[in-house]
Amino acid sequence: MTKSEQVIDVLKQAVIMEHRGKALYTKVAEQTESADVRKIFSIMADEEQLHIDFLLKQFKNYKKTGSFDVLSFEEDASNEHIAGLILTDSIKKDISGAGFEAAAISAAIDMESKSIEVYASRAREASDPNEKELYEWLANWEKGHHKMLLDLNKQLTEQVWYDNNFWPF
C-alpha cells in the first residue's frame, strides 16, 4: 500500500468513526426524555458533524492535490463549554446510573477511546506537518470528549453506589 493510499484509508476510517459517533449521540438525543440530556447529546452530535465536514474537506483536497489544506482550527478542543452543561446536578439527576443514557455514555467512552488511538497514532506517523496537525487537533478534541464522559460516568457510578449502599461506611 502506498503512502497516499494509507492516508486515504485513514481519512475514510476517521470519517466512518465520526459518523458512528454522530449516530450514537443523535439516537440518544432522540430517545431521552430529559430536555437537558437531549441538549448535551445534540451538541455532541453537532461536534461530530463538524469533524465529518472537516475530514471530508481534507479528504477531497488530498485526493485532488496529494496534500492537506493549511489548517486553521477555530473550535476550542477543550470542550469546556460542553462540560459546563453536562456536569450539573440536574443532568446527573436525569441520567440513571444504570439506564439507557448511562449505557450510551459507556459506549461513547469506548468510541472516543478508539478515535483518540487512531488519531494519535496517525499524528505520530505523519510526515506532512498539516496532516500531523490535523490528527493532533482531532485527538485533543476527542480527549476532551473522553475526559468529560469519564467524569460524568464516574459521578453516575458513585451515585448508583450511594443509592444502593455500596459504600463501606
Protein backbone atom coordinates (compact mmCIF):
# COMPACT_ATOMS: atom_id res chain seq x y z
CA MET A 1 0.00 0.00 0.00
CA THR A 2 1.41 3.38 -0.97
CA LYS A 3 1.66 6.28 1.46
CA SER A 4 -1.12 8.05 -0.44
CA GLU A 5 -3.41 5.01 -0.19
CA GLN A 6 -2.65 4.74 3.51
CA VAL A 7 -3.54 8.40 4.08
CA ILE A 8 -6.79 7.96 2.13
CA ASP A 9 -7.67 4.86 4.17
CA VAL A 10 -7.04 6.67 7.46
CA LEU A 11 -9.22 9.57 6.36
CA LYS A 12 -12.01 7.17 5.35
CA GLN A 13 -11.75 5.38 8.69
CA ALA A 14 -11.85 8.72 10.52
CA VAL A 15 -14.99 9.82 8.66
CA ILE A 16 -16.69 6.50 9.48
CA MET A 17 -15.76 6.82 13.18
CA GLU A 18 -17.19 10.32 13.30
CA HIS A 19 -20.40 9.18 11.58
CA ARG A 20 -20.79 6.40 14.14
CA GLY A 21 -20.29 8.85 16.99
CA LYS A 22 -22.83 11.22 15.48
CA ALA A 23 -25.32 8.36 15.04
CA LEU A 24 -24.96 7.32 18.67
CA TYR A 25 -25.30 10.84 20.04
CA THR A 26 -28.25 11.60 17.74
CA LYS A 27 -30.08 8.42 18.80
CA VAL A 28 -29.59 9.15 22.49
CA ALA A 29 -30.86 12.71 21.95
CA GLU A 30 -33.94 11.32 20.20
CA GLN A 31 -34.63 8.66 22.85
CA THR A 32 -34.08 10.53 26.10
CA GLU A 33 -36.96 12.10 27.95
CA SER A 34 -34.80 14.79 29.54
CA ALA A 35 -34.52 18.10 27.67
CA ASP A 36 -31.15 18.78 29.33
CA VAL A 37 -29.74 15.39 28.35
CA ARG A 38 -31.14 15.86 24.82
CA LYS A 39 -29.31 19.18 24.55
CA ILE A 40 -25.99 17.65 25.61
CA PHE A 41 -26.17 14.75 23.18
CA SER A 42 -27.35 17.06 20.40
CA ILE A 43 -24.30 19.27 20.95
CA MET A 44 -22.07 16.20 20.86
CA ALA A 45 -23.71 15.10 17.59
CA ASP A 46 -23.16 18.58 16.14
CA GLU A 47 -19.49 18.42 17.09
CA GLU A 48 -19.14 15.08 15.35
CA GLN A 49 -20.67 16.69 12.23
CA LEU A 50 -18.02 19.42 12.39
CA HIS A 51 -15.38 16.69 12.38
CA ILE A 52 -17.06 14.93 9.45
CA ASP A 53 -17.22 18.13 7.41
CA PHE A 54 -13.62 18.98 8.18
CA LEU A 55 -12.35 15.48 7.39
CA LEU A 56 -14.30 15.35 4.13
CA LYS A 57 -12.77 18.66 3.10
CA GLN A 58 -9.32 17.29 3.82
CA PHE A 59 -10.15 14.01 2.05
CA LYS A 60 -11.28 15.80 -1.11
CA ASN A 61 -8.27 18.10 -1.11
CA TYR A 62 -5.86 15.22 -0.54
CA LYS A 63 -7.37 13.16 -3.35
CA LYS A 64 -7.17 16.16 -5.68
CA THR A 65 -3.76 17.57 -4.77
CA GLY A 66 -1.97 14.89 -2.73
CA SER A 67 -1.62 17.28 0.21
CA PHE A 68 -3.58 18.66 3.13
CA ASP A 69 -5.01 22.15 3.37
CA VAL A 70 -3.26 24.58 5.64
CA LEU A 71 -5.28 24.15 8.77
CA SER A 72 -6.88 26.71 10.98
CA PHE A 73 -8.69 25.44 13.99
CA GLU A 74 -11.22 27.87 15.37
CA GLU A 75 -13.06 25.50 17.68
CA ASP A 76 -11.86 25.05 21.24
CA ALA A 77 -10.79 21.43 21.61
CA SER A 78 -11.03 21.62 25.40
CA ASN A 79 -14.81 21.05 25.36
CA GLU A 80 -15.19 23.17 28.48
CA HIS A 81 -18.40 24.69 27.07
CA ILE A 82 -19.96 21.21 26.97
CA ALA A 83 -18.52 20.10 30.31
CA GLY A 84 -20.17 23.10 31.95
CA LEU A 85 -23.51 21.92 30.62
CA ILE A 86 -23.04 18.24 31.38
CA LEU A 87 -21.69 18.11 34.88
CA THR A 88 -24.66 19.73 36.58
CA ASP A 89 -26.78 18.23 39.35
CA SER A 90 -29.86 18.46 37.12
CA ILE A 91 -28.24 16.40 34.36
CA LYS A 92 -26.89 13.83 36.78
CA LYS A 93 -30.33 13.50 38.34
CA ASP A 94 -31.91 12.97 34.89
CA ILE A 95 -29.49 10.18 33.98
CA SER A 96 -29.92 6.97 35.88
CA GLY A 97 -26.54 5.35 36.52
CA ALA A 98 -27.91 2.09 35.19
CA GLY A 99 -30.24 3.43 32.49
CA PHE A 100 -30.20 3.95 28.74
CA GLU A 101 -28.28 7.23 28.81
CA ALA A 102 -25.62 5.78 31.12
CA ALA A 103 -25.17 2.82 28.77
CA ALA A 104 -24.81 5.27 25.88
CA ILE A 105 -22.17 7.19 27.84
CA SER A 106 -20.25 3.97 28.37
CA ALA A 107 -20.42 3.16 24.65
CA ALA A 108 -19.38 6.71 23.80
CA ILE A 109 -16.34 6.41 26.08
CA ASP A 110 -15.23 3.36 24.10
CA MET A 111 -15.80 5.14 20.78
CA GLU A 112 -13.87 8.21 21.91
CA SER A 113 -11.00 5.98 23.11
CA LYS A 114 -10.78 4.35 19.68
CA SER A 115 -10.84 7.75 17.97
CA ILE A 116 -8.03 9.03 20.18
CA GLU A 117 -5.99 5.92 19.44
CA VAL A 118 -6.43 6.25 15.67
CA TYR A 119 -5.76 10.00 15.55
CA ALA A 120 -2.78 9.94 17.89
CA SER A 121 -1.22 7.03 16.03
CA ARG A 122 -1.64 8.75 12.69
CA ALA A 123 -0.23 12.00 14.08
CA ARG A 124 2.90 10.14 15.19
CA GLU A 125 3.31 8.53 11.76
CA ALA A 126 2.54 11.58 9.62
CA SER A 127 5.37 13.28 7.78
CA ASP A 128 3.20 16.08 6.36
CA PRO A 129 3.08 18.85 9.02
CA ASN A 130 -0.52 19.75 8.11
CA GLU A 131 -1.62 16.13 8.39
CA LYS A 132 0.19 15.81 11.73
CA GLU A 133 -1.50 18.98 13.00
CA LEU A 134 -4.91 17.74 11.83
CA TYR A 135 -4.64 14.46 13.70
CA GLU A 136 -3.15 16.02 16.83
CA TRP A 137 -6.01 18.53 16.91
CA LEU A 138 -8.63 15.81 16.43
CA ALA A 139 -7.00 13.61 19.09
CA ASN A 140 -7.03 16.51 21.55
CA TRP A 141 -10.66 17.32 20.80
CA GLU A 142 -11.62 13.68 21.32
CA LYS A 143 -9.59 13.61 24.55
CA GLY A 144 -11.79 16.45 25.79
CA HIS A 145 -14.93 14.46 24.94
CA HIS A 146 -13.41 11.37 26.55
CA LYS A 147 -12.50 13.13 29.80
CA MET A 148 -15.89 14.75 30.07
CA LEU A 149 -17.67 11.43 29.52
CA LEU A 150 -15.38 9.66 32.00
CA ASP A 151 -16.09 12.32 34.63
CA LEU A 152 -19.83 12.03 34.10
CA ASN A 153 -19.67 8.21 34.16
CA LYS A 154 -17.69 8.30 37.41
CA GLN A 155 -20.23 10.59 39.05
CA LEU A 156 -23.14 8.44 37.85
CA THR A 157 -21.43 5.28 39.13
CA GLU A 158 -20.83 6.85 42.51
CA GLN A 159 -24.49 7.86 42.66
CA VAL A 160 -25.55 4.26 41.98
CA TRP A 161 -23.17 3.09 44.72
CA TYR A 162 -24.59 5.65 47.11
CA ASP A 163 -28.21 4.84 46.24
CA ASN A 164 -27.59 1.12 46.75
CA ASN A 165 -25.47 1.42 49.89
CA PHE A 166 -22.36 0.00 48.18
CA TRP A 167 -20.09 2.28 50.22
CA PRO A 168 -18.15 0.56 53.02
CA PHE A 169 -19.27 3.10 55.65
